[in-house]
Amino acid sequence: MSSSFKSPVDTAKAISATAGAKNSANIVNVILLSFLAGAYIAFGGLLAVVASAGMLKAGAPIGLEKFVFGAVFPVGLIIVVLAGSELFTGNVMFMTLGVLDGNASVGGLAKNWVISWIFNFVGALFVAYVLAFMGGITPTDATAPAYAISAKAIAVAEGKVTMPFTVAMIKGIGCNWLVCLAVWLANASDDIIGKIVGIWFPIMAFVCIGFEHSVANMFFIPLGMFLGAKGVTWSTIIINNLVPVTIGNIIGGAVFVACIYWYTYLKD
């Protein structure tokens, strides 16, 4: 009888094989797929802001507001995995495990990480500026009925750029530990429903807990800046948040998922 999922060892082997394919991928394809991944994560972020806007003002418990925010956000990674695209945070795990297992090179890892990070940013900015801001989903008129969405986006952005460096980095570790486990579970399942369920729980968990995802922040913080968030500039976006969160994301995905599972499952 055939199983609908892979064992942990077979999942590790599949991830290593995928890293080999990513290592030799056409650069133009990686650029396009990275743009899409940034946009997909931004769609999840925008949905989370819209769905949870105004809940706290209406008297909802903070835990419920965080759960609603986290419950809808996973749509982004579900599309990333099922439609296929290049997400920096997932690539941290893929490429690290591939290098350790001999299926990818350090140069291939560096190329993949740099291209996916930059073009994830481009895709996220496209959704933030063109679809959310120019599209009127986040109105700048404080009297508009939908201004609660903009107020939520501003609050999110302001909170993210005022976080201490070490706190942002630690929250980045927790985030990508869970994100890479979500990608791991999706790779373990051989059917589409299993992949969706495997992605949803860890992603809902990291967002609800309040961990920090570099690519999601490439959407959240610029959107707040476009709407006039205080203290949010390109320099505070990058220096105060994206740098420490990216470092944390690398530690979370590379050390706590890729290195440990390579050591336990694939090392001779």
Protein backbone atom coordinates (compact mmCIF):
# COMPACT_ATOMS: atom_id res chain seq x y z
CA MET A 1 0.00 0.00 0.00
CA SER A 2 1.47 3.36 -1.02
CA SER A 3 1.76 6.16 1.50
CA SER A 4 0.66 9.76 0.83
CA PHE A 5 3.67 11.16 2.64
CA LYS A 6 7.44 10.76 2.78
CA SER A 7 9.45 9.68 5.81
CA PRO A 8 11.65 12.37 7.41
CA VAL A 9 14.72 10.83 5.74
CA ASP A 10 13.06 10.81 2.31
CA THR A 11 11.86 14.39 2.87
CA ALA A 12 15.43 15.46 3.62
CA LYS A 13 16.60 13.76 0.41
CA ALA A 14 13.86 15.47 -1.62
CA ILE A 15 14.82 18.88 -0.20
CA SER A 16 18.47 18.24 -1.03
CA ALA A 17 17.50 17.30 -4.60
CA THR A 18 15.43 20.48 -4.93
CA ALA A 19 18.46 22.47 -3.76
CA GLY A 20 20.43 20.92 -6.62
CA ALA A 21 17.80 22.13 -9.10
CA LYS A 22 17.81 25.61 -7.55
CA ASN A 23 21.62 25.65 -7.70
CA SER A 24 21.62 25.29 -11.51
CA ALA A 25 18.45 27.28 -12.24
CA ASN A 26 18.32 29.90 -15.00
CA ILE A 27 18.91 33.36 -13.45
CA VAL A 28 16.03 35.01 -15.34
CA ASN A 29 13.67 32.32 -14.05
CA VAL A 30 14.94 32.85 -10.48
CA ILE A 31 14.37 36.62 -10.80
CA LEU A 32 10.80 36.17 -12.08
CA LEU A 33 9.93 33.48 -9.53
CA SER A 34 11.43 35.60 -6.72
CA PHE A 35 9.27 38.57 -7.76
CA LEU A 36 6.21 36.29 -7.63
CA ALA A 37 7.13 34.90 -4.19
CA GLY A 38 7.45 38.41 -2.75
CA ALA A 39 4.06 39.32 -4.22
CA TYR A 40 2.42 36.13 -2.89
CA ILE A 41 3.68 36.74 0.67
CA ALA A 42 2.48 40.34 0.36
CA PHE A 43 -1.00 39.10 -0.65
CA GLY A 44 -1.09 37.13 2.61
CA GLY A 45 0.12 40.17 4.53
CA LEU A 46 -2.47 42.45 2.96
CA LEU A 47 -5.24 39.93 3.69
CA ALA A 48 -4.08 39.71 7.32
CA VAL A 49 -4.19 43.51 7.73
CA VAL A 50 -7.65 43.76 6.11
CA ALA A 51 -9.11 40.83 8.08
CA SER A 52 -7.92 42.02 11.50
CA ALA A 53 -8.33 45.80 11.03
CA GLY A 54 -10.40 47.48 13.74
CA MET A 55 -10.74 44.37 15.91
CA LEU A 56 -8.90 45.79 18.93
CA LYS A 57 -10.80 49.09 18.71
CA ALA A 58 -14.04 47.09 18.66
CA GLY A 59 -13.02 45.40 21.90
CA ALA A 60 -11.75 42.05 20.62
CA PRO A 61 -9.20 40.30 22.89
CA ILE A 62 -5.62 40.75 21.62
CA GLY A 63 -5.22 36.98 21.32
CA LEU A 64 -8.22 36.73 18.99
CA GLU A 65 -6.96 39.64 16.87
CA LYS A 66 -3.54 37.98 16.58
CA PHE A 67 -5.18 34.66 15.68
CA VAL A 68 -7.29 36.19 12.89
CA PHE A 69 -4.19 37.97 11.56
CA GLY A 70 -2.24 34.69 11.65
CA ALA A 71 -5.05 32.47 10.40
CA VAL A 72 -5.33 34.13 6.97
CA PHE A 73 -1.67 35.03 6.40
CA PRO A 74 -0.63 31.47 5.32
CA VAL A 75 -2.36 31.89 1.92
CA GLY A 76 0.90 33.51 0.76
CA LEU A 77 3.16 30.54 1.48
CA ILE A 78 0.51 28.09 0.25
CA ILE A 79 0.67 29.81 -3.17
CA VAL A 80 4.49 30.04 -3.01
CA VAL A 81 4.81 26.29 -2.50
CA LEU A 82 1.97 24.98 -4.67
CA ALA A 83 2.34 27.37 -7.63
CA GLY A 84 6.14 27.36 -7.41
CA SER A 85 8.32 30.39 -6.69
CA GLU A 86 11.60 31.41 -5.06
CA LEU A 87 11.14 32.59 -1.47
CA PHE A 88 14.30 33.71 0.33
CA THR A 89 13.31 32.31 3.72
CA GLY A 90 12.55 28.83 2.37
CA ASN A 91 15.68 28.96 0.21
CA VAL A 92 17.76 29.38 3.38
CA MET A 93 16.82 25.81 4.31
CA PHE A 94 16.94 24.35 0.80
CA MET A 95 20.35 25.72 -0.14
CA THR A 96 22.01 25.10 3.25
CA LEU A 97 20.93 21.47 3.26
CA GLY A 98 21.91 21.12 -0.40
CA VAL A 99 25.41 22.47 0.25
CA LEU A 100 25.90 20.17 3.25
CA ASP A 101 24.65 17.18 1.23
CA GLY A 102 26.81 17.99 -1.81
CA ASN A 103 23.96 18.82 -4.20
CA ALA A 104 24.59 22.59 -4.22
CA SER A 105 27.63 24.87 -4.09
CA VAL A 106 28.39 27.78 -1.79
CA GLY A 107 28.41 30.04 -4.86
CA GLY A 108 25.00 28.69 -5.90
CA LEU A 109 23.70 29.31 -2.40
CA ALA A 110 24.96 32.92 -2.40
CA LYS A 111 23.51 33.60 -5.87
CA ASN A 112 20.14 32.11 -4.92
CA TRP A 113 19.90 33.96 -1.59
CA VAL A 114 20.90 37.36 -3.00
CA ILE A 115 18.61 37.19 -6.06
CA SER A 116 15.62 35.85 -4.12
CA TRP A 117 16.02 38.43 -1.31
CA ILE A 118 16.25 41.39 -3.70
CA PHE A 119 13.40 40.34 -6.01
CA ASN A 120 11.18 39.21 -3.13
CA PHE A 121 11.53 42.85 -2.03
CA VAL A 122 10.53 44.08 -5.51
CA GLY A 123 7.45 41.82 -5.58
CA ALA A 124 6.39 42.84 -2.06
CA LEU A 125 6.82 46.54 -2.91
CA PHE A 126 4.71 46.12 -6.05
CA VAL A 127 1.79 44.79 -4.02
CA ALA A 128 2.28 47.39 -1.27
CA TYR A 129 2.47 50.43 -3.55
CA VAL A 130 0.48 49.53 -6.67
CA LEU A 131 -2.23 47.18 -5.42
CA ALA A 132 -2.73 48.32 -1.81
CA PHE A 133 -1.79 52.02 -1.84
CA MET A 134 -2.61 53.13 -5.39
CA GLY A 135 -5.50 50.67 -5.58
CA GLY A 136 -7.27 52.40 -2.70
CA ILE A 137 -7.44 49.37 -0.42
CA THR A 138 -5.58 51.41 2.21
CA PRO A 139 -7.16 54.90 1.96
CA THR A 140 -5.28 57.97 3.25
CA ASP A 141 -8.52 59.80 4.13
CA ALA A 142 -9.05 59.29 7.87
CA THR A 143 -12.84 59.68 7.41
CA ALA A 144 -13.09 56.80 4.93
CA PRO A 145 -14.91 53.69 6.22
CA ALA A 146 -11.91 51.53 5.29
CA TYR A 147 -9.38 53.77 7.08
CA ALA A 148 -9.18 51.17 9.88
CA ILE A 149 -7.17 49.06 7.40
CA SER A 150 -4.68 51.90 6.91
CA ALA A 151 -4.50 52.54 10.66
CA LYS A 152 -3.65 48.87 11.22
CA ALA A 153 -0.96 48.98 8.48
CA ILE A 154 0.58 52.12 10.04
CA ALA A 155 0.61 50.58 13.54
CA VAL A 156 2.27 47.40 12.25
CA ALA A 157 5.00 49.37 10.44
CA GLU A 158 5.73 51.66 13.38
CA GLY A 159 6.03 48.71 15.74
CA LYS A 160 8.47 46.89 13.49
CA VAL A 161 10.99 49.75 13.06
CA THR A 162 11.15 50.57 16.78
CA MET A 163 12.13 47.05 17.86
CA PRO A 164 15.64 46.65 19.38
CA PHE A 165 18.14 44.96 17.01
CA THR A 166 18.58 41.86 19.19
CA VAL A 167 14.82 41.41 19.68
CA ALA A 168 14.21 41.65 15.91
CA MET A 169 16.97 39.10 15.26
CA ILE A 170 15.65 36.64 17.86
CA LYS A 171 12.11 36.98 16.49
CA GLY A 172 13.60 36.30 13.04
CA ILE A 173 15.09 33.03 14.32
CA GLY A 174 11.75 31.80 15.65
CA CYS A 175 9.99 32.82 12.46
CA ASN A 176 12.14 30.98 9.96
CA TRP A 177 12.43 27.92 12.18
CA LEU A 178 8.65 27.60 11.78
CA VAL A 179 8.53 28.75 8.13
CA CYS A 180 11.11 26.16 7.10
CA LEU A 181 9.23 23.49 9.06
CA ALA A 182 6.12 24.49 7.09
CA VAL A 183 8.04 24.03 3.83
CA TRP A 184 9.46 20.75 5.19
CA LEU A 185 5.95 19.43 5.97
CA ALA A 186 4.73 20.52 2.52
CA ASN A 187 7.59 18.54 0.95
CA ALA A 188 6.77 15.56 3.17
CA SER A 189 3.20 15.36 1.84
CA ASP A 190 2.46 13.96 -1.62
CA ASP A 191 -1.08 15.34 -1.90
CA ILE A 192 -2.30 18.92 -2.16
CA ILE A 193 -4.52 18.92 0.95
CA GLY A 194 -1.66 17.51 3.04
CA LYS A 195 0.63 20.25 1.73
CA ILE A 196 -1.89 22.99 2.61
CA VAL A 197 -2.46 21.64 6.14
CA GLY A 198 1.30 21.18 6.65
CA ILE A 199 1.91 24.81 5.70
CA TRP A 200 -1.03 26.38 7.53
CA PHE A 201 -0.31 25.36 11.12
CA PRO A 202 3.35 26.46 11.44
CA ILE A 203 2.72 29.71 9.51
CA MET A 204 -0.36 30.54 11.57
CA ALA A 205 1.76 29.83 14.66
CA PHE A 206 4.69 32.11 13.78
CA VAL A 207 2.42 35.03 12.84
CA CYS A 208 0.12 34.62 15.85
CA ILE A 209 3.12 34.40 18.20
CA GLY A 210 4.60 37.58 16.71
CA PHE A 211 7.84 36.37 15.11
CA GLU A 212 9.47 38.40 12.29
CA HIS A 213 9.59 37.38 8.61
CA SER A 214 11.93 39.43 6.41
CA VAL A 215 9.89 39.07 3.21
CA ALA A 216 6.57 39.83 4.91
CA ASN A 217 8.21 42.93 6.39
CA MET A 218 9.24 44.00 2.88
CA PHE A 219 5.49 44.49 2.42
CA PHE A 220 4.24 45.56 5.86
CA ILE A 221 6.75 48.32 6.61
CA PRO A 222 6.86 50.09 3.21
CA LEU A 223 3.04 50.04 3.12
CA GLY A 224 3.00 51.84 6.46
CA MET A 225 5.60 54.31 5.14
CA PHE A 226 3.46 55.07 2.05
CA LEU A 227 0.56 55.79 4.43
CA GLY A 228 2.61 58.21 6.56
CA ALA A 229 3.79 56.04 9.47
CA LYS A 230 5.99 57.99 11.90
CA GLY A 231 9.71 57.19 11.94
CA VAL A 232 9.44 54.85 8.96
CA THR A 233 12.01 55.63 6.25
CA TRP A 234 13.96 53.48 3.82
CA SER A 235 16.91 53.52 6.23
CA THR A 236 14.84 52.48 9.27
CA ILE A 237 13.13 49.78 7.20
CA ILE A 238 16.46 48.24 6.21
CA ILE A 239 18.73 48.97 9.21
CA ASN A 240 16.23 48.67 12.08
CA ASN A 241 14.29 45.69 10.75
CA LEU A 242 15.34 43.91 7.57
CA VAL A 243 19.01 43.49 8.55
CA PRO A 244 18.45 41.92 12.00
CA VAL A 245 15.39 39.95 10.86
CA THR A 246 17.24 38.56 7.82
CA ILE A 247 20.15 37.48 10.05
CA GLY A 248 17.67 35.79 12.39
CA ASN A 249 15.85 34.15 9.48
CA ILE A 250 19.15 32.71 8.24
CA ILE A 251 19.99 31.30 11.68
CA GLY A 252 16.50 29.86 12.14
CA GLY A 253 16.30 28.12 8.78
CA ALA A 254 19.94 27.13 8.30
CA VAL A 255 20.88 26.03 11.82
CA PHE A 256 17.68 24.79 13.45
CA VAL A 257 16.24 23.03 10.39
CA ALA A 258 18.80 22.42 7.63
CA CYS A 259 21.89 21.66 9.72
CA ILE A 260 20.18 19.54 12.36
CA TYR A 261 18.16 17.48 9.90
CA TRP A 262 21.13 17.03 7.58
CA TYR A 263 23.21 15.84 10.54
CA THR A 264 20.57 13.43 11.84
CA TYR A 265 19.21 12.11 8.50
CA LEU A 266 21.74 12.54 5.71
CA LYS A 267 25.24 12.73 7.17
CA ASP A 268 27.11 9.48 6.51
